[in-house]
């Protein structure tokens, strides 16, 4: 399928943007737009939006050593956000990309409030349709995100909100016990959407060298193994976000239409795909077809009717 052949039932309004599919290709999966274009049959038009790799104020080489390690039922990664810097992305990368009607979104990374705000400001004056704040790039410390750390997150969202008129998506860190509370902080600070979950912290060890496999040591675990965690967190956030009209992107281990449908039922408005692309670069075609078939089978005319339809036992 392409955008012109995708059934109207898959279309939705996401933060004022018209998506022809509820699927979003996530940052980390498609680089800066050319990672999968050489694969026969691949089309960005299978997705409603594409999120470019994390972008920082200045160029970064990323972490040295191994950055990826296949884990049981998932992928362990630590890249360090290698990118050419926001000026190059805005002035050179974006003008070279034309994937309409699929929307391009930026992913903003930075280790300080000043840098996050500056990158957001630069993307506000660019061709991207929306801006995602990657809160995994901020060191909030270990454990539950409460107190001072929660206040810090709120300040970041509010400051970035003040420099852009584009839809603002806040991508929450994974190590949050009360996702609903943190979501409420983000909503009060002005976010238009919440994206979750980020990869879960993990490690792999080479037993011969007795050293971490990844060059950075600690990485983020993504893929099917984190899906049950993600489903619960999405449900918790959706309960808070829906009354305020704030959209939710659910992500974490989606490899099939059934996985995507679970996230939608839990309360997601759109579903992110990342590690699933490594398993199958043509996965979006199959997921779109599967969602459409499910809607028809259950007498639903639009994917929005599925979002948040979880029933109690």
Foldseek 3Di string as FASTA:
>chain_A
DFLVPQDCQQWDQALNAIFSHLEEAEAPFQALPHNCPVPPPFAPRLTQAYEHHEAWQAADQFFDADAWDDDDQWIWGGGRRGDHHLVCCQPPSVVVDDRPPRFYEYEYADADLVGSQVSLLSCQPGRGQEYEYEPVRYPLDDAACDDPNLVVVLVSLLSNQVRHPHQYEYADELRHDQLQVSLVSNVVSPHQAYEDDWFDKDWDADVVVRATNGSVGITGIFAQVCLVVQLVSLLSNQVNQVVVNRAYEGEGHDQALVSQLSSQLSAHSHYYDHVNCVVPVNRSVRNSVSVVVVCVVVVHRHSNVSGNNDDDD
